[in-house]
């Protein structure tokens, strides 16, 4: 877990929250004693925090400059974005606090929630872009998920990253996790909230999705699988749009660019499991994390599908 904060001093609360998120002015409800607990979980361009307001209060905030999502566990939040009517949210609901460049106001009533933050640039890295388009951040065009099922899927992703990736120093410290985890979160956000990204390939994209594009992309992935690379990096190396790249992989290999990247990294993890000395104390978790597999169970699942046995048997030289 990350930095824990707890205070019953209103000035101290305002100072911490303003430093962590944005300038915030708080007005407690009458006869309520301020109390705030926060557990911060930052990882590169994202953060997944647990926030517990132990009192009722009204808040006015400056623009956040980031994509900030709230998933309520208990209590309620009445959100008032500049120029908009108030909307009240309760347990199980998720919403966008405000557009990154807009101020906001909220009424919080003894609320515990997850506060997920990601930089807008992360959305651009995983979203398809229009050919020739300038590099404006992809925007979420709605403040609520497209469906309750989509919201639940996003919340499960957040919980997985927050509770299983962040607390494990071996996984958290792996270089590839710094790119893989934000991409997973951003992709899930884009599939959960309406947004301005164009997903379907254009005529130009289809024209560019020929075998030569696939070969260039595969060569780049093969040479850079040990580094932090994104779909945008692969598309740039192949000199095509992200949509053309995705269409080429789907058309000619029946997979995705990240699916092929996973295959390559899985191969490298397999080779490392075969080459290390089992008595040296190296673990399957460490090797998996080095190659971007920060969930041991999923690593084992993908490894078994590819090689017919769990990774620990390869490490122990047990082929049974």
C-alpha atoms as a PDB file:
ATOM      1  CA  UNK A   1       0.000   0.000   0.000  1.00  0.00           C
ATOM      2  CA  UNK A   2       1.024   3.596  -0.517  1.00  0.00           C
ATOM      3  CA  UNK A   3       1.073   6.615   1.728  1.00  0.00           C
ATOM      4  CA  UNK A   4      -1.590   6.601   4.446  1.00  0.00           C
ATOM      5  CA  UNK A   5      -3.049   9.882   5.668  1.00  0.00           C
ATOM      6  CA  UNK A   6      -5.381  10.412   8.617  1.00  0.00           C
ATOM      7  CA  UNK A   7      -6.397  13.670  10.233  1.00  0.00           C
ATOM      8  CA  UNK A   8      -9.196  15.380  12.140  1.00  0.00           C
ATOM      9  CA  UNK A   9      -7.799  18.861  11.481  1.00  0.00           C
ATOM     10  CA  UNK A  10      -9.638  20.706   8.706  1.00  0.00           C
ATOM     11  CA  UNK A  11      -6.666  22.857   7.682  1.00  0.00           C
ATOM     12  CA  UNK A  12      -4.410  19.810   7.536  1.00  0.00           C
ATOM     13  CA  UNK A  13      -7.016  17.919   5.487  1.00  0.00           C
ATOM     14  CA  UNK A  14      -7.333  20.760   2.983  1.00  0.00           C
ATOM     15  CA  UNK A  15      -3.562  21.043   2.682  1.00  0.00           C
ATOM     16  CA  UNK A  16      -3.066  17.316   2.032  1.00  0.00           C
ATOM     17  CA  UNK A  17      -5.953  16.929  -0.422  1.00  0.00           C
ATOM     18  CA  UNK A  18      -4.917  20.047  -2.311  1.00  0.00           C
ATOM     19  CA  UNK A  19      -1.381  18.697  -2.684  1.00  0.00           C
ATOM     20  CA  UNK A  20      -2.545  15.216  -3.676  1.00  0.00           C
ATOM     21  CA  UNK A  21      -5.338  16.138  -6.119  1.00  0.00           C
ATOM     22  CA  UNK A  22      -6.222  19.808  -6.619  1.00  0.00           C
ATOM     23  CA  UNK A  23      -6.915  22.971  -4.636  1.00  0.00           C
ATOM     24  CA  UNK A  24      -9.970  22.172  -2.546  1.00  0.00           C
ATOM     25  CA  UNK A  25     -12.062  24.247  -0.170  1.00  0.00           C
ATOM     26  CA  UNK A  26     -14.108  22.351   2.418  1.00  0.00           C
ATOM     27  CA  UNK A  27     -17.119  23.388   4.470  1.00  0.00           C
ATOM     28  CA  UNK A  28     -18.151  20.793   7.081  1.00  0.00           C
ATOM     29  CA  UNK A  29     -21.824  20.284   7.866  1.00  0.00           C
ATOM     30  CA  UNK A  30     -22.984  21.827  11.171  1.00  0.00           C
ATOM     31  CA  UNK A  31     -22.021  19.878  14.297  1.00  0.00           C
ATOM     32  CA  UNK A  32     -19.765  17.476  12.371  1.00  0.00           C
ATOM     33  CA  UNK A  33     -16.153  16.806  13.355  1.00  0.00           C
ATOM     34  CA  UNK A  34     -13.741  16.573  10.404  1.00  0.00           C
ATOM     35  CA  UNK A  35     -12.094  13.199   9.817  1.00  0.00           C
ATOM     36  CA  UNK A  36     -10.382  11.912   6.672  1.00  0.00           C
ATOM     37  CA  UNK A  37      -8.449   8.727   5.924  1.00  0.00           C
ATOM     38  CA  UNK A  38      -6.645   8.146   2.614  1.00  0.00           C
ATOM     39  CA  UNK A  39      -4.492   5.299   1.372  1.00  0.00           C
ATOM     40  CA  UNK A  40      -2.637   6.380  -1.782  1.00  0.00           C
ATOM     41  CA  UNK A  41      -1.514   3.888  -4.417  1.00  0.00           C
ATOM     42  CA  UNK A  42       0.390   5.729  -7.185  1.00  0.00           C
ATOM     43  CA  UNK A  43       2.079   3.920 -10.067  1.00  0.00           C
ATOM     44  CA  UNK A  44       3.563   6.149 -12.754  1.00  0.00           C
ATOM     45  CA  UNK A  45       0.753   8.044 -14.529  1.00  0.00           C
ATOM     46  CA  UNK A  46      -2.037   6.394 -12.515  1.00  0.00           C
ATOM     47  CA  UNK A  47      -3.159   6.248  -8.914  1.00  0.00           C
ATOM     48  CA  UNK A  48      -5.817   4.124  -7.207  1.00  0.00           C
ATOM     49  CA  UNK A  49      -6.647   5.465  -3.766  1.00  0.00           C
ATOM     50  CA  UNK A  50      -9.025   4.517  -0.985  1.00  0.00           C
ATOM     51  CA  UNK A  51     -10.682   7.596   0.495  1.00  0.00           C
ATOM     52  CA  UNK A  52     -12.883   7.677   3.598  1.00  0.00           C
ATOM     53  CA  UNK A  53     -14.603  10.942   4.517  1.00  0.00           C
ATOM     54  CA  UNK A  54     -15.835  10.413   8.076  1.00  0.00           C
ATOM     55  CA  UNK A  55     -17.996  13.536   8.054  1.00  0.00           C
ATOM     56  CA  UNK A  56     -20.446  15.407   5.872  1.00  0.00           C
ATOM     57  CA  UNK A  57     -19.167  18.436   4.006  1.00  0.00           C
ATOM     58  CA  UNK A  58     -19.426  20.562   0.876  1.00  0.00           C
ATOM     59  CA  UNK A  59     -16.364  20.873  -1.365  1.00  0.00           C
ATOM     60  CA  UNK A  60     -15.361  23.208  -4.179  1.00  0.00           C
ATOM     61  CA  UNK A  61     -12.381  22.175  -6.293  1.00  0.00           C
ATOM     62  CA  UNK A  62     -10.200  23.686  -8.992  1.00  0.00           C
ATOM     63  CA  UNK A  63      -9.721  21.777 -12.293  1.00  0.00           C
ATOM     64  CA  UNK A  64      -8.034  18.442 -11.639  1.00  0.00           C
ATOM     65  CA  UNK A  65      -5.998  18.298 -14.857  1.00  0.00           C
ATOM     66  CA  UNK A  66      -6.458  14.518 -14.948  1.00  0.00           C
ATOM     67  CA  UNK A  67      -9.113  11.842 -15.447  1.00  0.00           C
ATOM     68  CA  UNK A  68     -10.531  11.259 -11.958  1.00  0.00           C
ATOM     69  CA  UNK A  69     -13.104   8.540 -11.338  1.00  0.00           C
ATOM     70  CA  UNK A  70     -14.986   7.770  -8.145  1.00  0.00           C
ATOM     71  CA  UNK A  71     -16.455   4.363  -7.276  1.00  0.00           C
ATOM     72  CA  UNK A  72     -18.606   4.586  -4.145  1.00  0.00           C
ATOM     73  CA  UNK A  73     -18.525   1.834  -1.524  1.00  0.00           C
ATOM     74  CA  UNK A  74     -20.676   3.539   1.122  1.00  0.00           C
ATOM     75  CA  UNK A  75     -22.339   6.909   1.688  1.00  0.00           C
ATOM     76  CA  UNK A  76     -23.317   9.340  -1.061  1.00  0.00           C
ATOM     77  CA  UNK A  77     -21.776  12.050  -3.209  1.00  0.00           C
ATOM     78  CA  UNK A  78     -23.739  14.846  -4.823  1.00  0.00           C
ATOM     79  CA  UNK A  79     -21.662  16.081  -7.763  1.00  0.00           C
ATOM     80  CA  UNK A  80     -22.138  19.547  -9.224  1.00  0.00           C
ATOM     81  CA  UNK A  81     -19.966  20.282 -12.261  1.00  0.00           C
ATOM     82  CA  UNK A  82     -19.682  23.923 -13.294  1.00  0.00           C
ATOM     83  CA  UNK A  83     -22.854  24.907 -15.122  1.00  0.00           C
ATOM     84  CA  UNK A  84     -24.563  21.542 -14.547  1.00  0.00           C
ATOM     85  CA  UNK A  85     -27.320  20.343 -12.248  1.00  0.00           C
ATOM     86  CA  UNK A  86     -26.487  18.184  -9.254  1.00  0.00           C
ATOM     87  CA  UNK A  87     -26.436  14.409  -9.600  1.00  0.00           C
ATOM     88  CA  UNK A  88     -26.342  12.177  -6.528  1.00  0.00           C
ATOM     89  CA  UNK A  89     -24.457   8.879  -6.515  1.00  0.00           C
ATOM     90  CA  UNK A  90     -24.616   6.027  -4.020  1.00  0.00           C
ATOM     91  CA  UNK A  91     -22.982   2.653  -3.252  1.00  0.00           C
ATOM     92  CA  UNK A  92     -22.013   0.627  -6.307  1.00  0.00           C
ATOM     93  CA  UNK A  93     -22.051   3.627  -8.641  1.00  0.00           C
ATOM     94  CA  UNK A  94     -19.133   5.148 -10.514  1.00  0.00           C
ATOM     95  CA  UNK A  95     -18.716   8.548 -12.149  1.00  0.00           C
ATOM     96  CA  UNK A  96     -16.258  11.047 -13.595  1.00  0.00           C
ATOM     97  CA  UNK A  97     -15.707  13.873 -11.113  1.00  0.00           C
ATOM     98  CA  UNK A  98     -15.317  16.511 -13.844  1.00  0.00           C
ATOM     99  CA  UNK A  99     -13.599  17.138 -17.145  1.00  0.00           C
ATOM    100  CA  UNK A 100      -9.871  17.740 -16.488  1.00  0.00           C
ATOM    101  CA  UNK A 101     -10.110  21.448 -17.352  1.00  0.00           C
ATOM    102  CA  UNK A 102     -13.269  22.270 -15.380  1.00  0.00           C
ATOM    103  CA  UNK A 103     -13.835  23.162 -11.715  1.00  0.00           C
ATOM    104  CA  UNK A 104     -16.340  21.152  -9.724  1.00  0.00           C
ATOM    105  CA  UNK A 105     -18.396  21.131  -6.552  1.00  0.00           C
ATOM    106  CA  UNK A 106     -19.575  18.181  -4.491  1.00  0.00           C
ATOM    107  CA  UNK A 107     -21.523  17.288  -1.386  1.00  0.00           C
ATOM    108  CA  UNK A 108     -20.038  14.335   0.481  1.00  0.00           C
ATOM    109  CA  UNK A 109     -21.952  12.467   3.180  1.00  0.00           C
ATOM    110  CA  UNK A 110     -19.792  10.079   5.248  1.00  0.00           C
ATOM    111  CA  UNK A 111     -18.499   8.451   2.079  1.00  0.00           C
ATOM    112  CA  UNK A 112     -15.946   5.731   1.424  1.00  0.00           C
ATOM    113  CA  UNK A 113     -14.882   5.390  -2.202  1.00  0.00           C
ATOM    114  CA  UNK A 114     -12.128   4.469  -4.608  1.00  0.00           C
ATOM    115  CA  UNK A 115     -10.518   7.477  -6.289  1.00  0.00           C
ATOM    116  CA  UNK A 116      -8.831   6.479  -9.551  1.00  0.00           C
ATOM    117  CA  UNK A 117      -6.642   8.998 -11.359  1.00  0.00           C
ATOM    118  CA  UNK A 118      -4.931   8.687 -14.722  1.00  0.00           C
ATOM    119  CA  UNK A 119      -3.242  11.203 -16.956  1.00  0.00           C
ATOM    120  CA  UNK A 120      -5.154  11.946 -20.197  1.00  0.00           C
ATOM    121  CA  UNK A 121      -2.046  11.048 -22.210  1.00  0.00           C
ATOM    122  CA  UNK A 122      -2.445   7.410 -21.142  1.00  0.00           C
ATOM    123  CA  UNK A 123      -5.803   7.265 -22.930  1.00  0.00           C
ATOM    124  CA  UNK A 124      -4.115   8.520 -26.099  1.00  0.00           C
ATOM    125  CA  UNK A 125      -1.582   5.697 -25.948  1.00  0.00           C
ATOM    126  CA  UNK A 126      -4.249   3.003 -26.205  1.00  0.00           C
ATOM    127  CA  UNK A 127      -6.925   4.778 -28.257  1.00  0.00           C
ATOM    128  CA  UNK A 128      -7.141   4.727 -32.037  1.00  0.00           C
ATOM    129  CA  UNK A 129      -6.577   8.135 -33.614  1.00  0.00           C
ATOM    130  CA  UNK A 130      -7.746   9.784 -36.820  1.00  0.00           C
ATOM    131  CA  UNK A 131      -4.998   9.986 -39.506  1.00  0.00           C
ATOM    132  CA  UNK A 132      -3.380  13.443 -39.384  1.00  0.00           C
ATOM    133  CA  UNK A 133      -5.116  14.382 -36.158  1.00  0.00           C
ATOM    134  CA  UNK A 134      -3.227  16.655 -33.772  1.00  0.00           C
ATOM    135  CA  UNK A 135      -2.282  15.166 -30.435  1.00  0.00           C
ATOM    136  CA  UNK A 136      -5.188  16.339 -28.308  1.00  0.00           C
ATOM    137  CA  UNK A 137      -6.030  14.158 -25.306  1.00  0.00           C
ATOM    138  CA  UNK A 138      -8.868  11.718 -25.795  1.00  0.00           C
ATOM    139  CA  UNK A 139     -11.822  12.967 -23.757  1.00  0.00           C
ATOM    140  CA  UNK A 140     -14.490  11.064 -21.905  1.00  0.00           C
ATOM    141  CA  UNK A 141     -17.693  12.480 -23.396  1.00  0.00           C
ATOM    142  CA  UNK A 142     -19.956  11.282 -20.592  1.00  0.00           C
ATOM    143  CA  UNK A 143     -19.638  11.278 -16.820  1.00  0.00           C
ATOM    144  CA  UNK A 144     -21.231   7.851 -16.261  1.00  0.00           C
ATOM    145  CA  UNK A 145     -20.388   4.332 -17.528  1.00  0.00           C
ATOM    146  CA  UNK A 146     -22.192   3.019 -20.603  1.00  0.00           C
ATOM    147  CA  UNK A 147     -23.784   0.258 -18.502  1.00  0.00           C
ATOM    148  CA  UNK A 148     -23.798  -1.161 -14.953  1.00  0.00           C
ATOM    149  CA  UNK A 149     -21.940  -4.237 -16.268  1.00  0.00           C
ATOM    150  CA  UNK A 150     -19.183  -2.033 -17.714  1.00  0.00           C
ATOM    151  CA  UNK A 151     -18.893  -0.192 -14.403  1.00  0.00           C
ATOM    152  CA  UNK A 152     -18.556  -3.472 -12.505  1.00  0.00           C
ATOM    153  CA  UNK A 153     -15.841  -4.658 -14.884  1.00  0.00           C
ATOM    154  CA  UNK A 154     -13.881  -1.418 -14.400  1.00  0.00           C
ATOM    155  CA  UNK A 155     -14.252  -1.648 -10.635  1.00  0.00           C
ATOM    156  CA  UNK A 156     -12.938  -5.228 -10.663  1.00  0.00           C
ATOM    157  CA  UNK A 157      -9.930  -4.071 -12.697  1.00  0.00           C
ATOM    158  CA  UNK A 158      -9.239  -1.230 -10.271  1.00  0.00           C
ATOM    159  CA  UNK A 159      -9.593  -3.540  -7.269  1.00  0.00           C
ATOM    160  CA  UNK A 160      -7.245  -6.095  -8.846  1.00  0.00           C
ATOM    161  CA  UNK A 161      -4.545  -3.494  -9.521  1.00  0.00           C
ATOM    162  CA  UNK A 162      -4.981  -1.759  -6.178  1.00  0.00           C
ATOM    163  CA  UNK A 163      -5.157  -4.837  -3.955  1.00  0.00           C
ATOM    164  CA  UNK A 164      -2.907  -7.326  -5.780  1.00  0.00           C
ATOM    165  CA  UNK A 165      -0.380  -5.365  -7.851  1.00  0.00           C
ATOM    166  CA  UNK A 166       0.323  -2.350  -5.641  1.00  0.00           C
ATOM    167  CA  UNK A 167       1.025  -4.201  -2.342  1.00  0.00           C
ATOM    168  CA  UNK A 168       3.528  -6.673  -3.839  1.00  0.00           C
ATOM    169  CA  UNK A 169       6.981  -5.025  -4.060  1.00  0.00           C
ATOM    170  CA  UNK A 170       8.295  -7.720  -6.412  1.00  0.00           C
ATOM    171  CA  UNK A 171       5.501  -7.154  -8.904  1.00  0.00           C
ATOM    172  CA  UNK A 172       5.265  -3.406  -8.394  1.00  0.00           C
ATOM    173  CA  UNK A 173       9.003  -3.006  -8.900  1.00  0.00           C
ATOM    174  CA  UNK A 174       9.086  -4.833 -12.233  1.00  0.00           C
ATOM    175  CA  UNK A 175       9.942  -2.400 -15.026  1.00  0.00           C
ATOM    176  CA  UNK A 176       7.250  -3.572 -17.425  1.00  0.00           C
ATOM    177  CA  UNK A 177       4.484  -3.193 -14.841  1.00  0.00           C
ATOM    178  CA  UNK A 178       4.930   0.582 -15.043  1.00  0.00           C
ATOM    179  CA  UNK A 179       3.628   0.477 -18.622  1.00  0.00           C
ATOM    180  CA  UNK A 180       1.373  -2.583 -18.623  1.00  0.00           C
ATOM    181  CA  UNK A 181      -0.792  -1.643 -15.626  1.00  0.00           C
ATOM    182  CA  UNK A 182      -1.619   1.911 -16.839  1.00  0.00           C
ATOM    183  CA  UNK A 183      -2.439   0.558 -20.311  1.00  0.00           C
ATOM    184  CA  UNK A 184      -4.775  -2.057 -18.821  1.00  0.00           C
ATOM    185  CA  UNK A 185      -6.527   0.586 -16.744  1.00  0.00           C
ATOM    186  CA  UNK A 186      -6.798   3.062 -19.644  1.00  0.00           C
ATOM    187  CA  UNK A 187      -8.160   0.423 -22.020  1.00  0.00           C
ATOM    188  CA  UNK A 188     -10.795  -0.565 -19.468  1.00  0.00           C
ATOM    189  CA  UNK A 189     -11.770   3.072 -18.862  1.00  0.00           C
ATOM    190  CA  UNK A 190     -12.203   3.601 -22.619  1.00  0.00           C
ATOM    191  CA  UNK A 191     -14.443   0.544 -22.836  1.00  0.00           C
ATOM    192  CA  UNK A 192     -16.469   1.734 -19.814  1.00  0.00           C
ATOM    193  CA  UNK A 193     -17.084   5.444 -20.460  1.00  0.00           C
ATOM    194  CA  UNK A 194     -18.247   7.086 -23.702  1.00  0.00           C
ATOM    195  CA  UNK A 195     -15.296   8.851 -25.280  1.00  0.00           C
ATOM    196  CA  UNK A 196     -14.040  10.703 -28.339  1.00  0.00           C
ATOM    197  CA  UNK A 197     -11.719   7.950 -29.612  1.00  0.00           C
ATOM    198  CA  UNK A 198     -12.485   6.524 -33.032  1.00  0.00           C
ATOM    199  CA  UNK A 199     -12.412   2.741 -32.809  1.00  0.00           C
ATOM    200  CA  UNK A 200     -13.370   1.343 -36.243  1.00  0.00           C
ATOM    201  CA  UNK A 201     -10.660   1.246 -38.950  1.00  0.00           C
ATOM    202  CA  UNK A 202     -11.039   3.682 -41.834  1.00  0.00           C
ATOM    203  CA  UNK A 203     -10.558   2.831 -45.531  1.00  0.00           C
ATOM    204  CA  UNK A 204      -6.961   4.056 -45.240  1.00  0.00           C
ATOM    205  CA  UNK A 205      -6.416   1.856 -42.204  1.00  0.00           C
ATOM    206  CA  UNK A 206      -7.673  -1.208 -44.062  1.00  0.00           C
ATOM    207  CA  UNK A 207      -5.397  -0.390 -46.997  1.00  0.00           C
ATOM    208  CA  UNK A 208      -2.397  -0.102 -44.652  1.00  0.00           C
ATOM    209  CA  UNK A 209      -3.110  -3.378 -42.823  1.00  0.00           C
ATOM    210  CA  UNK A 210      -1.114  -5.523 -45.289  1.00  0.00           C
ATOM    211  CA  UNK A 211       1.435  -8.262 -44.414  1.00  0.00           C
ATOM    212  CA  UNK A 212       4.369  -5.841 -44.641  1.00  0.00           C
ATOM    213  CA  UNK A 213       2.830  -3.779 -41.826  1.00  0.00           C
ATOM    214  CA  UNK A 214       2.499  -6.919 -39.752  1.00  0.00           C
ATOM    215  CA  UNK A 215       6.125  -7.911 -40.387  1.00  0.00           C
ATOM    216  CA  UNK A 216       7.424  -4.472 -39.363  1.00  0.00           C
ATOM    217  CA  UNK A 217       5.325  -4.502 -36.204  1.00  0.00           C
ATOM    218  CA  UNK A 218       6.354  -8.039 -35.253  1.00  0.00           C
ATOM    219  CA  UNK A 219      10.025  -7.227 -35.799  1.00  0.00           C
ATOM    220  CA  UNK A 220       9.732  -4.180 -33.543  1.00  0.00           C
ATOM    221  CA  UNK A 221       7.994  -6.212 -30.833  1.00  0.00           C
ATOM    222  CA  UNK A 222      10.574  -8.999 -31.067  1.00  0.00           C
ATOM    223  CA  UNK A 223      13.405  -6.488 -30.619  1.00  0.00           C
ATOM    224  CA  UNK A 224      11.807  -4.428 -27.850  1.00  0.00           C
ATOM    225  CA  UNK A 225       9.762  -6.903 -25.776  1.00  0.00           C
ATOM    226  CA  UNK A 226      12.061  -6.304 -22.795  1.00  0.00           C
ATOM    227  CA  UNK A 227      11.233  -2.586 -22.799  1.00  0.00           C
ATOM    228  CA  UNK A 228       8.166  -0.528 -21.899  1.00  0.00           C
ATOM    229  CA  UNK A 229       6.357  -0.276 -25.242  1.00  0.00           C
ATOM    230  CA  UNK A 230       2.759   0.634 -26.015  1.00  0.00           C
ATOM    231  CA  UNK A 231       0.441   0.049 -28.943  1.00  0.00           C
ATOM    232  CA  UNK A 232       1.228   3.604 -30.042  1.00  0.00           C
ATOM    233  CA  UNK A 233       4.968   2.801 -30.076  1.00  0.00           C
ATOM    234  CA  UNK A 234       4.382  -0.289 -32.216  1.00  0.00           C
ATOM    235  CA  UNK A 235       2.151   1.615 -34.647  1.00  0.00           C
ATOM    236  CA  UNK A 236       4.740   4.378 -34.990  1.00  0.00           C
ATOM    237  CA  UNK A 237       7.464   1.831 -35.730  1.00  0.00           C
ATOM    238  CA  UNK A 238       5.261   0.259 -38.423  1.00  0.00           C
ATOM    239  CA  UNK A 239       4.408   3.749 -39.770  1.00  0.00           C
ATOM    240  CA  UNK A 240       0.629   3.203 -39.583  1.00  0.00           C
ATOM    241  CA  UNK A 241      -2.238   4.262 -37.331  1.00  0.00           C
ATOM    242  CA  UNK A 242      -3.119   2.248 -34.264  1.00  0.00           C
ATOM    243  CA  UNK A 243      -6.344   1.067 -35.913  1.00  0.00           C
ATOM    244  CA  UNK A 244      -4.466  -0.132 -39.024  1.00  0.00           C
ATOM    245  CA  UNK A 245      -2.030  -1.991 -36.775  1.00  0.00           C
ATOM    246  CA  UNK A 246      -4.818  -3.651 -34.819  1.00  0.00           C
ATOM    247  CA  UNK A 247      -6.653  -4.576 -38.013  1.00  0.00           C
ATOM    248  CA  UNK A 248      -3.468  -6.101 -39.503  1.00  0.00           C
ATOM    249  CA  UNK A 249      -2.948  -8.351 -36.498  1.00  0.00           C
ATOM    250  CA  UNK A 250      -6.601  -9.351 -36.384  1.00  0.00           C
ATOM    251  CA  UNK A 251      -6.712 -10.010 -40.133  1.00  0.00           C
ATOM    252  CA  UNK A 252      -3.450 -11.913 -40.567  1.00  0.00           C
ATOM    253  CA  UNK A 253      -2.786 -13.513 -37.165  1.00  0.00           C
ATOM    254  CA  UNK A 254      -6.133 -13.601 -35.386  1.00  0.00           C
ATOM    255  CA  UNK A 255      -4.767 -11.719 -32.398  1.00  0.00           C
ATOM    256  CA  UNK A 256      -3.939  -8.177 -31.243  1.00  0.00           C
ATOM    257  CA  UNK A 257      -0.602  -6.324 -31.046  1.00  0.00           C
ATOM    258  CA  UNK A 258      -0.595  -6.704 -27.272  1.00  0.00           C
ATOM    259  CA  UNK A 259      -1.610 -10.339 -27.650  1.00  0.00           C
ATOM    260  CA  UNK A 260       1.473 -10.956 -29.784  1.00  0.00           C
ATOM    261  CA  UNK A 261       3.611  -8.959 -27.346  1.00  0.00           C
ATOM    262  CA  UNK A 262       2.356 -11.251 -24.596  1.00  0.00           C
ATOM    263  CA  UNK A 263       3.339 -14.301 -26.662  1.00  0.00           C
ATOM    264  CA  UNK A 264       6.865 -12.947 -27.116  1.00  0.00           C
ATOM    265  CA  UNK A 265       7.271 -12.052 -23.440  1.00  0.00           C
ATOM    266  CA  UNK A 266       5.886 -15.453 -22.471  1.00  0.00           C
ATOM    267  CA  UNK A 267       8.543 -17.076 -24.652  1.00  0.00           C
ATOM    268  CA  UNK A 268      11.283 -15.056 -22.947  1.00  0.00           C
ATOM    269  CA  UNK A 269       9.915 -15.959 -19.510  1.00  0.00           C
ATOM    270  CA  UNK A 270       9.921 -19.622 -20.568  1.00  0.00           C
ATOM    271  CA  UNK A 271      13.545 -19.397 -21.693  1.00  0.00           C
ATOM    272  CA  UNK A 272      14.523 -17.758 -18.406  1.00  0.00           C
ATOM    273  CA  UNK A 273      12.733 -20.437 -16.383  1.00  0.00           C
ATOM    274  CA  UNK A 274      14.716 -23.043 -18.317  1.00  0.00           C
ATOM    275  CA  UNK A 275      18.055 -21.309 -17.891  1.00  0.00           C
ATOM    276  CA  UNK A 276      18.122 -20.253 -14.225  1.00  0.00           C
ATOM    277  CA  UNK A 277      19.431 -22.477 -11.470  1.00  0.00           C
ATOM    278  CA  UNK A 278      16.432 -23.732  -9.416  1.00  0.00           C
ATOM    279  CA  UNK A 279      18.614 -23.610  -6.296  1.00  0.00           C
ATOM    280  CA  UNK A 280      19.471 -19.920  -6.770  1.00  0.00           C
ATOM    281  CA  UNK A 281      16.297 -18.756  -5.039  1.00  0.00           C
ATOM    282  CA  UNK A 282      14.708 -17.076  -8.064  1.00  0.00           C
ATOM    283  CA  UNK A 283      10.923 -17.413  -8.018  1.00  0.00           C
ATOM    284  CA  UNK A 284       8.305 -17.813 -10.732  1.00  0.00           C
ATOM    285  CA  UNK A 285       6.708 -14.568  -9.545  1.00  0.00           C
ATOM    286  CA  UNK A 286       9.952 -12.628 -10.038  1.00  0.00           C
ATOM    287  CA  UNK A 287      10.533 -13.992 -13.526  1.00  0.00           C
ATOM    288  CA  UNK A 288       6.930 -13.406 -14.540  1.00  0.00           C
ATOM    289  CA  UNK A 289       7.002  -9.825 -13.253  1.00  0.00           C
ATOM    290  CA  UNK A 290      10.231  -9.099 -15.145  1.00  0.00           C
ATOM    291  CA  UNK A 291       8.366  -9.921 -18.352  1.00  0.00           C
ATOM    292  CA  UNK A 292       5.220  -7.934 -17.564  1.00  0.00           C
ATOM    293  CA  UNK A 293       3.099 -10.661 -15.951  1.00  0.00           C
ATOM    294  CA  UNK A 294       2.230  -9.019 -12.662  1.00  0.00           C
ATOM    295  CA  UNK A 295      -0.575 -11.424 -11.706  1.00  0.00           C
ATOM    296  CA  UNK A 296       0.930 -14.840 -10.823  1.00  0.00           C
ATOM    297  CA  UNK A 297      -2.348 -16.669 -11.457  1.00  0.00           C
ATOM    298  CA  UNK A 298      -2.778 -15.210 -14.921  1.00  0.00           C
ATOM    299  CA  UNK A 299       0.868 -15.827 -15.735  1.00  0.00           C
ATOM    300  CA  UNK A 300       0.395 -19.478 -14.762  1.00  0.00           C
ATOM    301  CA  UNK A 301      -2.766 -19.678 -16.890  1.00  0.00           C
ATOM    302  CA  UNK A 302      -1.130 -18.247 -20.010  1.00  0.00           C
ATOM    303  CA  UNK A 303       2.015 -20.321 -19.439  1.00  0.00           C
ATOM    304  CA  UNK A 304       0.092 -23.571 -19.080  1.00  0.00           C
ATOM    305  CA  UNK A 305      -1.887 -22.798 -22.251  1.00  0.00           C
ATOM    306  CA  UNK A 306       1.337 -22.252 -24.185  1.00  0.00           C
ATOM    307  CA  UNK A 307       3.599 -24.925 -22.692  1.00  0.00           C
ATOM    308  CA  UNK A 308       1.293 -27.537 -21.179  1.00  0.00           C
ATOM    309  CA  UNK A 309       2.481 -27.253 -17.589  1.00  0.00           C
ATOM    310  CA  UNK A 310       2.606 -24.644 -14.821  1.00  0.00           C
ATOM    311  CA  UNK A 311       5.734 -22.443 -14.743  1.00  0.00           C
ATOM    312  CA  UNK A 312       6.935 -23.762 -11.384  1.00  0.00           C
ATOM    313  CA  UNK A 313       7.409 -27.198 -12.958  1.00  0.00           C
ATOM    314  CA  UNK A 314       9.604 -25.748 -15.663  1.00  0.00           C
ATOM    315  CA  UNK A 315      11.659 -23.965 -13.004  1.00  0.00           C
ATOM    316  CA  UNK A 316      11.997 -27.194 -11.010  1.00  0.00           C
ATOM    317  CA  UNK A 317      12.775 -29.210 -14.178  1.00  0.00           C
ATOM    318  CA  UNK A 318       9.670 -31.332 -13.531  1.00  0.00           C
ATOM    319  CA  UNK A 319       7.931 -32.243 -16.816  1.00  0.00           C
ATOM    320  CA  UNK A 320       5.209 -34.361 -15.276  1.00  0.00           C
END
